[in-house]
Each structure stands twice: as structure tokens, then as C-alpha cells.
C-alpha atoms as a PDB file:
ATOM      1  CA  HIS A   1     125.374  91.055  59.111  1.00  0.00           C
ATOM      2  CA  LEU A   2     124.907  91.367  62.928  1.00  0.00           C
ATOM      3  CA  ASP A   3     128.136  89.448  63.372  1.00  0.00           C
ATOM      4  CA  THR A   4     129.990  92.155  61.149  1.00  0.00           C
ATOM      5  CA  VAL A   5     128.395  95.005  63.010  1.00  0.00           C
ATOM      6  CA  ALA A   6     129.341  93.458  66.382  1.00  0.00           C
ATOM      7  CA  ASP A   7     132.877  93.103  65.272  1.00  0.00           C
ATOM      8  CA  MET A   8     133.089  96.547  63.938  1.00  0.00           C
ATOM      9  CA  LEU A   9     131.650  97.937  67.313  1.00  0.00           C
ATOM     10  CA  GLY A  10     133.634  95.521  69.420  1.00  0.00           C
ATOM     11  CA  LYS A  11     136.902  97.190  68.637  1.00  0.00           C
ATOM     12  CA  GLN A  12     135.781 100.354  70.530  1.00  0.00           C
ATOM     13  CA  PHE A  13     132.846  99.150  72.492  1.00  0.00           C
ATOM     14  CA  PRO A  14     133.427  95.596  73.763  1.00  0.00           C
ATOM     15  CA  LYS A  15     130.315  95.567  76.042  1.00  0.00           C
ATOM     16  CA  VAL A  16     128.170  96.519  73.071  1.00  0.00           C
ATOM     17  CA  LYS A  17     129.528  93.644  71.065  1.00  0.00           C
ATOM     18  CA  ALA A  18     128.816  91.225  73.805  1.00  0.00           C
ATOM     19  CA  MET A  19     125.352  92.689  74.376  1.00  0.00           C
ATOM     20  CA  LEU A  20     124.404  92.411  70.504  1.00  0.00           C
ATOM     21  CA  LEU A  21     125.839  88.826  70.286  1.00  0.00           C
ATOM     22  CA  GLU A  22     123.762  87.837  73.379  1.00  0.00           C
ATOM     23  CA  ALA A  23     120.708  89.230  71.897  1.00  0.00           C
ATOM     24  CA  LYS A  24     121.317  87.860  68.486  1.00  0.00           C
ATOM     25  CA  GLU A  25     118.448  85.454  68.316  1.00  0.00           C
ATOM     26  CA  ASP A  26     115.893  88.087  69.398  1.00  0.00           C
ATOM     27  CA  LEU A  27     117.455  90.638  67.090  1.00  0.00           C
ATOM     28  CA  THR A  28     117.141  88.229  64.043  1.00  0.00           C
ATOM     29  CA  ALA A  29     113.726  86.549  65.045  1.00  0.00           C
ATOM     30  CA  PHE A  30     112.154  88.390  61.970  1.00  0.00           C
ATOM     31  CA  ALA A  31     114.409  86.497  59.416  1.00  0.00           C
ATOM     32  CA  ASP A  32     112.455  83.351  60.079  1.00  0.00           C
ATOM     33  CA  PHE A  33     109.466  84.862  58.361  1.00  0.00           C
ATOM     34  CA  PRO A  34     109.078  85.414  54.522  1.00  0.00           C
ATOM     35  CA  HIS A  35     110.744  88.606  53.180  1.00  0.00           C
ATOM     36  CA  GLN A  36     107.467  90.203  52.453  1.00  0.00           C
ATOM     37  CA  HIS A  37     106.536  90.151  56.112  1.00  0.00           C
ATOM     38  CA  TRP A  38     109.505  91.802  57.351  1.00  0.00           C
ATOM     39  CA  LYS A  39     108.500  95.426  56.859  1.00  0.00           C
ATOM     40  CA  LYS A  40     105.138  94.672  58.743  1.00  0.00           C
ATOM     41  CA  ILE A  41     106.603  92.731  61.450  1.00  0.00           C
ATOM     42  CA  GLN A  42     109.110  95.644  62.429  1.00  0.00           C
ATOM     43  CA  SER A  43     106.298  98.231  62.436  1.00  0.00           C
ATOM     44  CA  THR A  44     104.591  99.042  65.775  1.00  0.00           C
ATOM     45  CA  ASN A  45     101.777 100.688  63.999  1.00  0.00           C
ATOM     46  CA  PRO A  46      99.039  98.155  64.821  1.00  0.00           C
ATOM     47  CA  LEU A  47     100.170  98.207  68.532  1.00  0.00           C
ATOM     48  CA  GLU A  48     100.184 102.044  68.532  1.00  0.00           C
ATOM     49  CA  ARG A  49      96.658 102.028  66.945  1.00  0.00           C
ATOM     50  CA  LEU A  50      95.440  99.687  69.698  1.00  0.00           C
ATOM     51  CA  ASN A  51      96.922 101.814  72.483  1.00  0.00           C
ATOM     52  CA  ARG A  52      95.513 104.871  70.930  1.00  0.00           C
ATOM     53  CA  GLU A  53      91.924 103.418  70.846  1.00  0.00           C
ATOM     54  CA  ILE A  54      92.136 102.145  74.515  1.00  0.00           C
ATOM     55  CA  LYS A  55      93.373 105.597  75.620  1.00  0.00           C
ATOM     56  CA  ARG A  56      90.401 107.317  73.536  1.00  0.00           C
ATOM     57  CA  ARG A  57      87.919 105.022  75.161  1.00  0.00           C
ATOM     58  CA  SER A  58      89.447 105.446  78.667  1.00  0.00           C
ATOM     59  CA  ASP A  59      89.440 109.198  78.315  1.00  0.00           C
ATOM     60  CA  VAL A  60      85.781 109.262  77.933  1.00  0.00           C
ATOM     61  CA  VAL A  61      85.352 107.370  81.243  1.00  0.00           C
ATOM     62  CA  GLN A  62      88.086 109.427  82.891  1.00  0.00           C
ATOM     63  CA  VAL A  63      87.704 107.862  86.492  1.00  0.00           C
ATOM     64  CA  PHE A  64      87.366 104.071  86.842  1.00  0.00           C
ATOM     65  CA  PRO A  65      86.014 102.551  90.144  1.00  0.00           C
ATOM     66  CA  ASN A  66      88.743 100.006  90.178  1.00  0.00           C
ATOM     67  CA  THR A  67      91.345  98.116  88.250  1.00  0.00           C
ATOM     68  CA  ALA A  68      88.914  95.300  87.076  1.00  0.00           C
ATOM     69  CA  ALA A  69      86.828  98.187  85.255  1.00  0.00           C
ATOM     70  CA  VAL A  70      90.096  99.235  83.393  1.00  0.00           C
ATOM     71  CA  SER A  71      90.818  95.572  82.402  1.00  0.00           C
ATOM     72  CA  ARG A  72      87.198  95.055  81.235  1.00  0.00           C
ATOM     73  CA  LEU A  73      87.438  98.075  79.032  1.00  0.00           C
ATOM     74  CA  ALA A  74      90.829  97.072  77.583  1.00  0.00           C
ATOM     75  CA  THR A  75      89.325  93.493  76.986  1.00  0.00           C
ATOM     76  CA  ALA A  76      86.251  94.838  75.195  1.00  0.00           C
ATOM     77  CA  VAL A  77      88.447  96.901  72.787  1.00  0.00           C
ATOM     78  CA  LEU A  78      90.570  93.998  72.011  1.00  0.00           C
ATOM     79  CA  VAL A  79      87.502  91.657  71.395  1.00  0.00           C
ATOM     80  CA  GLU A  80      86.161  94.303  69.119  1.00  0.00           C
ATOM     81  CA  LEU A  81      89.428  94.653  67.166  1.00  0.00           C
ATOM     82  CA  HIS A  82      89.762  90.876  66.876  1.00  0.00           C
ATOM     83  CA  ASP A  83      86.140  90.703  65.427  1.00  0.00           C
ATOM     84  CA  GLU A  84      87.180  93.386  63.022  1.00  0.00           C
ATOM     85  CA  TRP A  85      90.234  91.415  61.956  1.00  0.00           C
ATOM     86  CA  ILE A  86      88.192  88.290  61.321  1.00  0.00           C
ATOM     87  CA  VAL A  87      85.416  89.787  59.056  1.00  0.00           C
ATOM     88  CA  PHE A  88      87.595  92.441  57.373  1.00  0.00           C
ATOM     89  CA  PRO A  89      88.295  91.328  53.843  1.00  0.00           C
ATOM     90  CA  ARG A  90      91.793  92.693  53.591  1.00  0.00           C
ATOM     91  CA  ARG A  91      94.507  90.797  55.539  1.00  0.00           C
ATOM     92  CA  TYR A  92      97.436  92.555  57.415  1.00  0.00           C
ATOM     93  CA  LEU A  93      99.640  89.411  56.074  1.00  0.00           C
ATOM     94  CA  SER A  94      98.459  87.840  52.950  1.00  0.00           C
ATOM     95  CA  THR A  95      97.306  84.152  53.140  1.00  0.00           C
ATOM     96  CA  GLU A  96      99.462  83.377  50.228  1.00  0.00           C
ATOM     97  CA  SER A  97     102.593  84.288  52.340  1.00  0.00           C
ATOM     98  CA  MET A  98     101.353  82.771  55.291  1.00  0.00           C
ATOM     99  CA  ASP A  99     100.920  79.518  53.552  1.00  0.00           C
ATOM    100  CA  GLY A 100     104.628  79.595  53.036  1.00  0.00           C
ATOM    101  CA  LEU A 101     105.448  79.530  56.569  1.00  0.00           C
ATOM    102  CA  TYR A 102     104.335  75.773  57.140  1.00  0.00           C
ATOM    103  CA  PRO A 103     104.942  74.278  53.704  1.00  0.00           C
ATOM    104  CA  ASP A 104     105.357  70.668  55.327  1.00  0.00           C
ATOM    105  CA  THR A 105     102.051  70.578  57.056  1.00  0.00           C
ATOM    106  CA  GLY A 106      99.794  70.589  54.111  1.00  0.00           C
ATOM    107  CA  THR A 107      97.697  73.471  55.651  1.00  0.00           C
ATOM    108  CA  ASN A 108      96.364  75.820  53.193  1.00  0.00           C
ATOM    109  CA  LEU A 109      95.281  78.965  55.013  1.00  0.00           C
ATOM    110  CA  SER A 110      94.079  80.617  51.845  1.00  0.00           C
ATOM    111  CA  ASN A 111      91.232  78.064  51.735  1.00  0.00           C
ATOM    112  CA  THR A 112      90.490  78.244  55.410  1.00  0.00           C
ATOM    113  CA  THR A 113      87.217  79.996  56.604  1.00  0.00           C
ATOM    114  CA  GLU A 114      86.590  81.034  60.140  1.00  0.00           C
END
């Protein structure tokens, strides 16, 4: 579909066509994943939630003594979120659909415990 869109736009906007074709691999990277993942991959909601949480925590402190202090706070938020994702019973991407990503390896993520 990208080639079709690029050809249609290329008649009037040749630079846009060149730009789309140059970025084709990046624009279609999601297609390597199972179809049921596409909607979640295209969403920036988890990233926006993370940024809001970092902002909320940094608003409490207001003034940081140095850049290392900001890095420590952001790292603490990331570690906390990682811990939540490990123990949270519901997964963002199901283990069954993740198993389909690597069918030849024999790795079964739905039986893996961390």
C-alpha cells in the first residue's frame, strides 16, 4: 500500500514520494509482528503514561540539585514500572501471540516464569 500511496503523491509531490520510499522500512516495521499486535504497537499510550508519571514525580521535587538527581528519579520510575509489569497478571501483549513471533526456536513464552 505504501508504494501505491507514494506513486499517487509522487505525481504532484515528487519529494514526498522519495521521502516515503526512503523511510519504507521504518514505516512498515510493524508488519513483521502478528496482526493482533499492530494496534498496541502504533499506540504511544504507554510512553505517554510513563512521561506523565515522571513529570508528576518531578513536579513534587520542583528543583533538582543537579542532572544526576533527575536521572536517578527517572530511573527509579522506570524500575518501579518494570517491577509492576513483571508481577502484573495481565500482559500488554499476550504470551500466546508472542509465542508466534519465534515459532522455529521452540521457546514457549506462555510457560516461562520470571
